[in-house]
Amino acid sequence: MSTIAAGDPTRTTNLPLRERPMDIVFLVVFSLFIVTCIISDSVEGLGLDQVPNSPNLLVQWNYTYSSNFDPLYQSHPLWLRFISGTSAFVYVAFYVVLIIAIVRRWNWIQLPSVIYATMIISLTGIPIFGVEFFGPEGQRTPHPLIFLLYNGPYVLFPLLLLIRMRKPLPFTRKW
């Protein structure tokens, strides 16, 4: 899988990106996550009321989604504002660093990736999905399948990243 660098039998060589197809998928997905964090999570994180007649286009887009599929998001409880704010203003910075690390083959991103993925799954996925599917009436999604199509990737891809980064020196192997 990995090759020995010339002159140093203890050093491994990172694979080029073209030989790491899942990392290419991660580049695309986490690039999209940057955009969606700015569009969606910043509105919630800043506590902007999601109303149809807002002069803010991002608020209007969020209103269209939340009023049809995500009443919890529209009600914006304080705990959800913290989760969304973390996504919009912390995770988005991680996505930028992750993308650069994947392209530049920086193996040190392994531990931050594990920390990030664990946080997303436990601090975002579990509470939000729990309320959306099992929470009180008025906060549960009326359309679980559509909710999963919109929000499932935000838990699925961090889980895949966690699996990808399960061992040190992730860029010395294909998976």
C-alpha atoms as a PDB file:
ATOM      1  CA  MET A   1       0.000   0.000   0.000  1.00  0.00           C
ATOM      2  CA  SER A   2       2.643   2.499   0.933  1.00  0.00           C
ATOM      3  CA  THR A   3       6.132   2.664  -0.387  1.00  0.00           C
ATOM      4  CA  ILE A   4       9.404   3.231   1.410  1.00  0.00           C
ATOM      5  CA  ALA A   5      10.960   6.629   0.754  1.00  0.00           C
ATOM      6  CA  ALA A   6      14.402   6.522  -0.834  1.00  0.00           C
ATOM      7  CA  GLY A   7      17.174   6.401   1.747  1.00  0.00           C
ATOM      8  CA  ASP A   8      14.895   6.099   4.817  1.00  0.00           C
ATOM      9  CA  PRO A   9      13.442   2.629   5.460  1.00  0.00           C
ATOM     10  CA  THR A  10      11.339   3.933   8.400  1.00  0.00           C
ATOM     11  CA  ARG A  11       9.546   6.617   6.407  1.00  0.00           C
ATOM     12  CA  THR A  12       6.426   5.922   4.360  1.00  0.00           C
ATOM     13  CA  THR A  13       5.256   7.841   1.352  1.00  0.00           C
ATOM     14  CA  ASN A  14       1.814   9.363   1.082  1.00  0.00           C
ATOM     15  CA  LEU A  15      -0.307   8.285  -1.849  1.00  0.00           C
ATOM     16  CA  PRO A  16      -1.267  10.887  -4.446  1.00  0.00           C
ATOM     17  CA  LEU A  17      -4.856  12.070  -4.346  1.00  0.00           C
ATOM     18  CA  ARG A  18      -5.793  10.186  -7.522  1.00  0.00           C
ATOM     19  CA  GLU A  19      -5.022   6.934  -5.669  1.00  0.00           C
ATOM     20  CA  ARG A  20      -7.303   7.889  -2.751  1.00  0.00           C
ATOM     21  CA  PRO A  21     -10.781   8.039  -4.329  1.00  0.00           C
ATOM     22  CA  MET A  22     -12.660   8.392  -1.045  1.00  0.00           C
ATOM     23  CA  ASP A  23     -10.581  11.453  -0.238  1.00  0.00           C
ATOM     24  CA  ILE A  24     -11.807  13.004  -3.484  1.00  0.00           C
ATOM     25  CA  VAL A  25     -15.367  12.364  -2.298  1.00  0.00           C
ATOM     26  CA  PHE A  26     -14.480  14.023   1.024  1.00  0.00           C
ATOM     27  CA  LEU A  27     -13.135  17.054  -0.847  1.00  0.00           C
ATOM     28  CA  VAL A  28     -16.421  17.492  -2.686  1.00  0.00           C
ATOM     29  CA  VAL A  29     -18.665  16.829   0.319  1.00  0.00           C
ATOM     30  CA  PHE A  30     -16.793  18.991   2.819  1.00  0.00           C
ATOM     31  CA  SER A  31     -16.574  21.799   0.257  1.00  0.00           C
ATOM     32  CA  LEU A  32     -20.361  21.644   0.003  1.00  0.00           C
ATOM     33  CA  PHE A  33     -20.575  21.607   3.802  1.00  0.00           C
ATOM     34  CA  ILE A  34     -18.759  24.960   3.864  1.00  0.00           C
ATOM     35  CA  VAL A  35     -21.449  26.460   1.653  1.00  0.00           C
ATOM     36  CA  THR A  36     -24.361  24.907   3.523  1.00  0.00           C
ATOM     37  CA  CYS A  37     -22.950  25.976   6.900  1.00  0.00           C
ATOM     38  CA  ILE A  38     -22.846  29.545   5.688  1.00  0.00           C
ATOM     39  CA  ILE A  39     -26.334  29.357   4.169  1.00  0.00           C
ATOM     40  CA  SER A  40     -28.067  27.467   6.941  1.00  0.00           C
ATOM     41  CA  ASP A  41     -26.185  27.204  10.212  1.00  0.00           C
ATOM     42  CA  SER A  42     -25.171  30.854  10.344  1.00  0.00           C
ATOM     43  CA  VAL A  43     -28.837  31.906  10.249  1.00  0.00           C
ATOM     44  CA  GLU A  44     -29.684  29.621  13.162  1.00  0.00           C
ATOM     45  CA  GLY A  45     -26.452  30.337  15.029  1.00  0.00           C
ATOM     46  CA  LEU A  46     -27.104  34.067  14.899  1.00  0.00           C
ATOM     47  CA  GLY A  47     -30.692  33.522  16.085  1.00  0.00           C
ATOM     48  CA  LEU A  48     -32.288  35.215  13.082  1.00  0.00           C
ATOM     49  CA  ASP A  49     -36.033  34.705  12.979  1.00  0.00           C
ATOM     50  CA  GLN A  50     -36.989  32.585  10.024  1.00  0.00           C
ATOM     51  CA  VAL A  51     -39.813  34.510   8.429  1.00  0.00           C
ATOM     52  CA  PRO A  52     -40.993  34.481   4.815  1.00  0.00           C
ATOM     53  CA  ASN A  53     -40.767  38.233   4.273  1.00  0.00           C
ATOM     54  CA  SER A  54     -37.243  38.779   5.602  1.00  0.00           C
ATOM     55  CA  PRO A  55     -35.003  41.032   3.499  1.00  0.00           C
ATOM     56  CA  ASN A  56     -32.233  38.474   4.105  1.00  0.00           C
ATOM     57  CA  LEU A  57     -32.183  35.878   1.318  1.00  0.00           C
ATOM     58  CA  LEU A  58     -30.530  33.255   3.555  1.00  0.00           C
ATOM     59  CA  VAL A  59     -33.323  33.668   6.110  1.00  0.00           C
ATOM     60  CA  GLN A  60     -35.924  33.232   3.349  1.00  0.00           C
ATOM     61  CA  TRP A  61     -34.245  30.007   2.146  1.00  0.00           C
ATOM     62  CA  ASN A  62     -34.088  28.673   5.688  1.00  0.00           C
ATOM     63  CA  TYR A  63     -37.718  29.586   6.260  1.00  0.00           C
ATOM     64  CA  THR A  64     -38.771  27.660   3.141  1.00  0.00           C
ATOM     65  CA  TYR A  65     -36.961  24.555   4.360  1.00  0.00           C
ATOM     66  CA  SER A  66     -37.871  24.760   8.049  1.00  0.00           C
ATOM     67  CA  SER A  67     -41.514  25.675   7.598  1.00  0.00           C
ATOM     68  CA  ASN A  68     -42.039  22.607   5.438  1.00  0.00           C
ATOM     69  CA  PHE A  69     -39.709  19.975   6.874  1.00  0.00           C
ATOM     70  CA  ASP A  70     -38.036  21.017  10.121  1.00  0.00           C
ATOM     71  CA  PRO A  71     -40.158  22.658  12.829  1.00  0.00           C
ATOM     72  CA  LEU A  72     -37.374  22.236  15.420  1.00  0.00           C
ATOM     73  CA  TYR A  73     -35.056  24.339  13.272  1.00  0.00           C
ATOM     74  CA  GLN A  74     -37.740  26.972  12.840  1.00  0.00           C
ATOM     75  CA  SER A  75     -38.429  27.189  16.582  1.00  0.00           C
ATOM     76  CA  HIS A  76     -34.683  27.742  17.214  1.00  0.00           C
ATOM     77  CA  PRO A  77     -34.266  26.793  20.877  1.00  0.00           C
ATOM     78  CA  LEU A  78     -31.138  28.125  22.542  1.00  0.00           C
ATOM     79  CA  TRP A  79     -29.359  24.730  22.581  1.00  0.00           C
ATOM     80  CA  LEU A  80     -29.856  24.419  18.806  1.00  0.00           C
ATOM     81  CA  ARG A  81     -28.456  27.908  18.305  1.00  0.00           C
ATOM     82  CA  PHE A  82     -25.273  26.790  20.087  1.00  0.00           C
ATOM     83  CA  ILE A  83     -24.998  23.664  17.938  1.00  0.00           C
ATOM     84  CA  SER A  84     -25.645  25.602  14.722  1.00  0.00           C
ATOM     85  CA  GLY A  85     -23.320  28.403  15.751  1.00  0.00           C
ATOM     86  CA  THR A  86     -20.558  25.869  16.390  1.00  0.00           C
ATOM     87  CA  SER A  87     -21.170  24.452  12.942  1.00  0.00           C
ATOM     88  CA  ALA A  88     -21.207  27.839  11.232  1.00  0.00           C
ATOM     89  CA  PHE A  89     -18.270  29.397  13.007  1.00  0.00           C
ATOM     90  CA  VAL A  90     -16.030  26.508  14.164  1.00  0.00           C
ATOM     91  CA  TYR A  91     -16.638  23.446  12.007  1.00  0.00           C
ATOM     92  CA  VAL A  92     -16.526  25.529   8.830  1.00  0.00           C
ATOM     93  CA  ALA A  93     -12.941  26.516   9.689  1.00  0.00           C
ATOM     94  CA  PHE A  94     -12.126  22.845  10.241  1.00  0.00           C
ATOM     95  CA  TYR A  95     -13.584  22.011   6.809  1.00  0.00           C
ATOM     96  CA  VAL A  96     -11.215  24.478   5.158  1.00  0.00           C
ATOM     97  CA  VAL A  97      -8.216  23.001   7.004  1.00  0.00           C
ATOM     98  CA  LEU A  98      -9.401  19.435   6.263  1.00  0.00           C
ATOM     99  CA  ILE A  99      -9.673  20.160   2.545  1.00  0.00           C
ATOM    100  CA  ILE A 100      -6.177  21.620   2.465  1.00  0.00           C
ATOM    101  CA  ALA A 101      -4.839  18.697   4.526  1.00  0.00           C
ATOM    102  CA  ILE A 102      -6.371  16.136   2.166  1.00  0.00           C
ATOM    103  CA  VAL A 103      -4.883  17.826  -0.882  1.00  0.00           C
ATOM    104  CA  ARG A 104      -1.474  18.436   0.733  1.00  0.00           C
ATOM    105  CA  ARG A 105      -1.463  14.996   2.429  1.00  0.00           C
ATOM    106  CA  TRP A 106      -0.960  16.317   5.946  1.00  0.00           C
ATOM    107  CA  ASN A 107      -1.242  13.214   8.115  1.00  0.00           C
ATOM    108  CA  TRP A 108      -1.500  15.287  11.306  1.00  0.00           C
ATOM    109  CA  ILE A 109      -5.152  15.959  10.403  1.00  0.00           C
ATOM    110  CA  GLN A 110      -5.965  12.442  11.619  1.00  0.00           C
ATOM    111  CA  LEU A 111      -6.504  13.353  15.303  1.00  0.00           C
ATOM    112  CA  PRO A 112      -8.447  16.599  14.635  1.00  0.00           C
ATOM    113  CA  SER A 113     -10.635  14.597  12.207  1.00  0.00           C
ATOM    114  CA  VAL A 114     -11.399  11.995  14.850  1.00  0.00           C
ATOM    115  CA  ILE A 115     -12.251  14.723  17.378  1.00  0.00           C
ATOM    116  CA  TYR A 116     -14.452  16.563  14.863  1.00  0.00           C
ATOM    117  CA  ALA A 117     -16.305  13.430  13.728  1.00  0.00           C
ATOM    118  CA  THR A 118     -16.926  12.330  17.300  1.00  0.00           C
ATOM    119  CA  MET A 119     -18.272  15.777  18.191  1.00  0.00           C
ATOM    120  CA  ILE A 120     -20.577  15.919  15.175  1.00  0.00           C
ATOM    121  CA  ILE A 121     -22.020  12.483  15.789  1.00  0.00           C
ATOM    122  CA  SER A 122     -22.458  12.839  19.537  1.00  0.00           C
ATOM    123  CA  LEU A 123     -23.151  16.543  20.023  1.00  0.00           C
ATOM    124  CA  THR A 124     -25.076  17.248  16.841  1.00  0.00           C
ATOM    125  CA  GLY A 125     -26.446  14.063  15.337  1.00  0.00           C
ATOM    126  CA  ILE A 126     -27.835  12.444  18.469  1.00  0.00           C
ATOM    127  CA  PRO A 127     -29.684  15.445  19.987  1.00  0.00           C
ATOM    128  CA  ILE A 128     -31.032  16.857  16.731  1.00  0.00           C
ATOM    129  CA  PHE A 129     -32.055  13.538  15.217  1.00  0.00           C
ATOM    130  CA  GLY A 130     -33.455  12.486  18.597  1.00  0.00           C
ATOM    131  CA  VAL A 131     -35.741  15.505  18.799  1.00  0.00           C
ATOM    132  CA  GLU A 132     -36.653  15.371  15.107  1.00  0.00           C
ATOM    133  CA  PHE A 133     -37.819  11.759  15.385  1.00  0.00           C
ATOM    134  CA  PHE A 134     -38.803  11.286  19.044  1.00  0.00           C
ATOM    135  CA  GLY A 135     -39.233  14.782  20.452  1.00  0.00           C
ATOM    136  CA  PRO A 136     -42.400  16.618  21.414  1.00  0.00           C
ATOM    137  CA  GLU A 137     -45.133  17.283  18.921  1.00  0.00           C
ATOM    138  CA  GLY A 138     -44.389  20.513  17.098  1.00  0.00           C
ATOM    139  CA  GLN A 139     -40.646  19.855  17.017  1.00  0.00           C
ATOM    140  CA  ARG A 140     -40.698  16.489  15.242  1.00  0.00           C
ATOM    141  CA  THR A 141     -40.276  16.519  11.502  1.00  0.00           C
ATOM    142  CA  PRO A 142     -43.487  15.859   9.570  1.00  0.00           C
ATOM    143  CA  HIS A 143     -41.413  14.394   6.711  1.00  0.00           C
ATOM    144  CA  PRO A 144     -38.732  12.049   8.113  1.00  0.00           C
ATOM    145  CA  LEU A 145     -37.452  10.911   4.719  1.00  0.00           C
ATOM    146  CA  ILE A 146     -36.931  14.438   3.426  1.00  0.00           C
ATOM    147  CA  PHE A 147     -35.334  15.405   6.740  1.00  0.00           C
ATOM    148  CA  LEU A 148     -32.909  12.478   6.373  1.00  0.00           C
ATOM    149  CA  LEU A 149     -32.101  13.391   2.774  1.00  0.00           C
ATOM    150  CA  TYR A 150     -31.217  16.940   3.843  1.00  0.00           C
ATOM    151  CA  ASN A 151     -29.501  16.153   7.135  1.00  0.00           C
ATOM    152  CA  GLY A 152     -28.253  12.567   6.910  1.00  0.00           C
ATOM    153  CA  PRO A 153     -25.032  13.486   5.068  1.00  0.00           C
ATOM    154  CA  TYR A 154     -23.992  15.703   8.003  1.00  0.00           C
ATOM    155  CA  VAL A 155     -23.733  12.596  10.180  1.00  0.00           C
ATOM    156  CA  LEU A 156     -22.902   9.997   7.515  1.00  0.00           C
ATOM    157  CA  PHE A 157     -19.810  11.729   6.110  1.00  0.00           C
ATOM    158  CA  PRO A 158     -18.287  12.539   9.512  1.00  0.00           C
ATOM    159  CA  LEU A 159     -18.815   8.851  10.371  1.00  0.00           C
ATOM    160  CA  LEU A 160     -17.047   7.849   7.146  1.00  0.00           C
ATOM    161  CA  LEU A 161     -14.277  10.338   7.930  1.00  0.00           C
ATOM    162  CA  LEU A 162     -13.932   8.775  11.387  1.00  0.00           C
ATOM    163  CA  ILE A 163     -13.548   5.354   9.777  1.00  0.00           C
ATOM    164  CA  ARG A 164     -11.081   6.766   7.236  1.00  0.00           C
ATOM    165  CA  MET A 165      -8.974   8.384   9.964  1.00  0.00           C
ATOM    166  CA  ARG A 166      -9.089   5.385  12.327  1.00  0.00           C
ATOM    167  CA  LYS A 167      -5.329   4.757  12.048  1.00  0.00           C
ATOM    168  CA  PRO A 168      -2.309   7.068  11.951  1.00  0.00           C
ATOM    169  CA  LEU A 169      -0.833   8.139   8.619  1.00  0.00           C
ATOM    170  CA  PRO A 170      -4.129   8.091   6.738  1.00  0.00           C
ATOM    171  CA  PHE A 171      -2.669   9.313   3.451  1.00  0.00           C
ATOM    172  CA  THR A 172      -0.297   6.361   3.168  1.00  0.00           C
ATOM    173  CA  ARG A 173      -3.249   4.081   2.411  1.00  0.00           C
ATOM    174  CA  LYS A 174      -6.297   4.138   0.130  1.00  0.00           C
ATOM    175  CA  TRP A 175      -8.814   3.628   2.942  1.00  0.00           C
END
